[in-house]
Amino acid sequence: MNRLKALLCAMAVVLLVGCKEEDSIPKPSAELRLEYPKAQLGVLEKDQFEFQFNKMARLKEKNSHSLTLDYPEMRGTIFMNYRKIDGNLEKLLGDAQKFSYEHAVKADGIDEKVFMNEEAKVYGNFYSVTGDAASQAQFYATDSTNHFVTGSLYFYAKPNYDSIYPAAVYLQNDILTIMETLRWK
């Protein structure tokens, strides 16, 4: 019995002396790197206008005045509507601007950029929304006499800006491409 106690004590001493505690080093947080392909552009021609769009999007035309560009891989959609100006430019501008700022309640910020293409007679605003708002971007474009187009970007996910940020930036660039290539007929 004494031998057993001596053996157990010796093993305990060996274990205590042999196991030395190492300082634990925290691992850096992993960050998911989302990469999207470079946009391959196609042309959408309507009776009133035309523009270039990313072929990654699935085009859905609801009617002659409403269409969507759906990005299923990103769970996002750009909704677009066309209106003919018929003495109602001020109302159309007011509605588009009001709609853009309705997201201010949940947004951390809204960056407004004026857009002008004198040669093509395309004038408008682009609104980039930061924060957990329902829509991450809105825009409107007009020639100020006949045509008025509005658009907005929505994701089919709970608004979590950190999670959707890479896709939001990618699709905001697609919206800017639409605005830059927009031509009236």
Protein backbone atom coordinates (compact mmCIF):
# COMPACT_ATOMS: atom_id res chain seq x y z
CA MET A 1 0.00 0.00 0.00
CA ASN A 2 2.89 2.35 0.77
CA ARG A 3 4.36 1.57 -2.60
CA LEU A 4 1.06 2.41 -4.28
CA LYS A 5 0.85 5.74 -2.40
CA ALA A 6 4.46 6.53 -3.30
CA LEU A 7 3.83 5.66 -6.95
CA LEU A 8 0.68 7.84 -7.09
CA CYS A 9 2.51 10.75 -5.43
CA ALA A 10 5.39 10.42 -7.87
CA MET A 11 2.99 10.41 -10.84
CA ALA A 12 1.19 13.48 -9.48
CA VAL A 13 4.51 15.33 -9.09
CA VAL A 14 5.58 14.36 -12.63
CA LEU A 15 2.23 15.50 -14.03
CA LEU A 16 2.31 18.81 -12.14
CA VAL A 17 5.91 19.57 -13.05
CA GLY A 18 5.66 18.25 -16.62
CA CYS A 19 2.53 20.24 -17.59
CA LYS A 20 3.36 23.82 -17.93
CA GLU A 21 0.66 26.32 -18.75
CA GLU A 22 1.06 28.17 -22.03
CA ASP A 23 -0.21 31.67 -22.52
CA SER A 24 -3.26 31.54 -24.69
CA ILE A 25 -3.20 33.87 -27.67
CA PRO A 26 -6.52 34.99 -29.06
CA LYS A 27 -7.05 34.21 -32.71
CA PRO A 28 -7.91 37.09 -35.00
CA SER A 29 -11.53 37.27 -36.13
CA ALA A 30 -12.04 35.70 -39.49
CA GLU A 31 -13.51 37.96 -42.12
CA LEU A 32 -15.43 36.58 -45.06
CA ARG A 33 -14.15 37.98 -48.31
CA LEU A 34 -16.93 38.20 -50.83
CA GLU A 35 -15.85 38.70 -54.39
CA TYR A 36 -18.28 39.28 -57.20
CA PRO A 37 -17.50 38.94 -60.89
CA LYS A 38 -16.76 41.97 -63.01
CA ALA A 39 -19.99 43.15 -64.63
CA GLN A 40 -20.68 41.90 -68.14
CA LEU A 41 -22.97 44.53 -69.65
CA GLY A 42 -26.03 44.08 -71.79
CA VAL A 43 -28.38 46.70 -73.22
CA LEU A 44 -32.02 47.05 -72.25
CA GLU A 45 -34.10 48.92 -74.81
CA LYS A 46 -37.56 50.21 -73.93
CA ASP A 47 -39.86 52.48 -75.91
CA GLN A 48 -38.88 55.51 -73.81
CA PHE A 49 -35.25 54.85 -72.89
CA GLU A 50 -32.33 52.45 -72.96
CA PHE A 51 -29.44 51.68 -70.62
CA GLN A 52 -26.71 49.15 -69.97
CA PHE A 53 -27.12 46.67 -67.12
CA ASN A 54 -25.18 43.85 -65.52
CA LYS A 55 -26.08 40.56 -67.26
CA MET A 56 -25.71 38.85 -63.89
CA ALA A 57 -29.16 40.29 -63.12
CA ARG A 58 -32.36 38.57 -64.15
CA LEU A 59 -34.52 41.10 -65.94
CA LYS A 60 -38.23 40.98 -65.15
CA GLU A 61 -40.55 43.39 -66.92
CA LYS A 62 -43.83 43.84 -65.07
CA ASN A 63 -45.25 46.21 -67.69
CA SER A 64 -44.03 48.97 -70.00
CA HIS A 65 -43.40 51.28 -67.03
CA SER A 66 -42.03 48.93 -64.36
CA LEU A 67 -39.15 46.46 -64.27
CA THR A 68 -36.83 44.72 -61.86
CA LEU A 69 -33.23 43.58 -62.04
CA ASP A 70 -33.03 40.60 -59.71
CA TYR A 71 -29.71 39.32 -58.30
CA PRO A 72 -30.61 35.96 -56.71
CA GLU A 73 -27.03 35.17 -55.63
CA MET A 74 -27.02 38.36 -53.54
CA ARG A 75 -30.69 38.21 -52.62
CA GLY A 76 -31.12 41.75 -53.90
CA THR A 77 -33.27 43.54 -56.45
CA ILE A 78 -33.19 46.90 -58.19
CA PHE A 79 -36.75 48.11 -58.79
CA MET A 80 -37.27 50.70 -61.54
CA ASN A 81 -40.29 52.72 -62.65
CA TYR A 82 -40.82 55.07 -65.58
CA ARG A 83 -43.19 58.04 -65.63
CA LYS A 84 -43.97 60.42 -68.46
CA ILE A 85 -43.69 64.05 -67.39
CA ASP A 86 -47.01 65.74 -68.01
CA GLY A 87 -46.75 69.06 -66.16
CA ASN A 88 -45.99 67.10 -62.97
CA LEU A 89 -42.20 67.37 -62.74
CA GLU A 90 -42.27 69.11 -59.35
CA LYS A 91 -44.50 66.40 -57.88
CA LEU A 92 -42.34 63.61 -59.33
CA LEU A 93 -39.17 65.23 -57.96
CA GLY A 94 -40.77 65.82 -54.56
CA ASP A 95 -42.04 62.24 -54.33
CA ALA A 96 -38.64 60.78 -55.33
CA GLN A 97 -36.75 62.92 -52.83
CA LYS A 98 -39.27 62.27 -50.05
CA PHE A 99 -39.10 58.52 -50.68
CA SER A 100 -35.31 58.56 -50.43
CA TYR A 101 -35.36 60.26 -47.05
CA GLU A 102 -38.08 58.02 -45.59
CA HIS A 103 -35.25 55.59 -44.80
CA ALA A 104 -33.54 58.17 -42.57
CA VAL A 105 -35.28 56.73 -39.50
CA LYS A 106 -33.26 53.50 -39.64
CA ALA A 107 -30.28 54.78 -41.62
CA ASP A 108 -27.01 55.90 -40.09
CA GLY A 109 -26.60 58.27 -43.00
CA ILE A 110 -27.73 59.14 -46.52
CA ASP A 111 -25.16 60.38 -49.01
CA GLU A 112 -26.77 62.34 -51.84
CA LYS A 113 -24.89 62.77 -55.13
CA VAL A 114 -26.11 64.98 -57.94
CA PHE A 115 -25.86 63.35 -61.37
CA MET A 116 -25.63 65.33 -64.61
CA ASN A 117 -24.93 64.16 -68.14
CA GLU A 118 -25.48 67.29 -70.25
CA GLU A 119 -24.76 65.52 -73.54
CA ALA A 120 -27.45 62.87 -72.98
CA LYS A 121 -29.76 65.27 -71.08
CA VAL A 122 -29.87 63.00 -68.05
CA TYR A 123 -30.11 64.74 -64.68
CA GLY A 124 -30.81 63.20 -61.31
CA ASN A 125 -29.73 62.23 -57.84
CA PHE A 126 -28.24 59.07 -56.38
CA TYR A 127 -28.81 58.33 -52.69
CA SER A 128 -26.49 55.88 -50.94
CA VAL A 129 -27.89 54.71 -47.59
CA THR A 130 -25.71 53.42 -44.74
CA GLY A 131 -27.07 51.55 -41.75
CA ASP A 132 -29.81 49.01 -41.20
CA ALA A 133 -32.36 50.64 -43.52
CA ALA A 134 -34.72 48.67 -45.74
CA SER A 135 -33.20 50.09 -48.94
CA GLN A 136 -29.48 50.70 -49.50
CA ALA A 137 -29.85 53.01 -52.50
CA GLN A 138 -32.37 55.06 -54.43
CA PHE A 139 -32.07 57.20 -57.52
CA TYR A 140 -34.01 59.20 -60.01
CA ALA A 141 -33.14 60.48 -63.48
CA THR A 142 -34.97 62.84 -65.81
CA ASP A 143 -34.56 64.97 -68.90
CA SER A 144 -36.72 67.62 -67.14
CA THR A 145 -39.26 67.75 -69.98
CA ASN A 146 -40.59 64.29 -70.96
CA HIS A 147 -39.06 61.38 -69.02
CA PHE A 148 -38.68 60.44 -65.35
CA VAL A 149 -37.17 57.19 -64.00
CA THR A 150 -36.94 56.18 -60.34
CA GLY A 151 -35.20 53.20 -58.82
CA SER A 152 -34.41 51.61 -55.48
CA LEU A 153 -32.31 48.73 -54.18
CA TYR A 154 -33.73 46.22 -51.72
CA PHE A 155 -32.37 43.00 -50.24
CA TYR A 156 -34.49 39.99 -49.36
CA ALA A 157 -32.93 39.74 -45.92
CA LYS A 158 -33.25 41.43 -42.56
CA PRO A 159 -31.41 44.75 -42.86
CA ASN A 160 -27.98 44.16 -41.32
CA TYR A 161 -25.65 46.64 -42.97
CA ASP A 162 -22.44 44.85 -41.98
CA SER A 163 -23.62 41.64 -43.64
CA ILE A 164 -24.97 43.13 -46.85
CA TYR A 165 -22.31 45.83 -47.31
CA PRO A 166 -20.26 44.05 -50.04
CA ALA A 167 -23.37 43.26 -52.09
CA ALA A 168 -24.78 46.76 -51.51
CA VAL A 169 -21.62 48.39 -52.85
CA TYR A 170 -21.59 46.07 -55.88
CA LEU A 171 -25.23 46.82 -56.72
CA GLN A 172 -24.81 50.55 -56.09
CA ASN A 173 -22.11 50.47 -58.77
CA ASP A 174 -24.59 48.74 -61.08
CA ILE A 175 -27.09 51.56 -60.43
CA LEU A 176 -24.43 54.15 -61.26
CA THR A 177 -23.76 52.28 -64.53
CA ILE A 178 -27.48 52.44 -65.33
CA MET A 179 -27.51 56.19 -64.68
CA GLU A 180 -24.33 56.80 -66.70
CA THR A 181 -25.58 54.84 -69.73
CA LEU A 182 -29.22 55.99 -69.64
CA ARG A 183 -30.38 57.47 -72.96
CA TRP A 184 -33.84 58.85 -73.77
CA LYS A 185 -35.73 58.00 -76.94
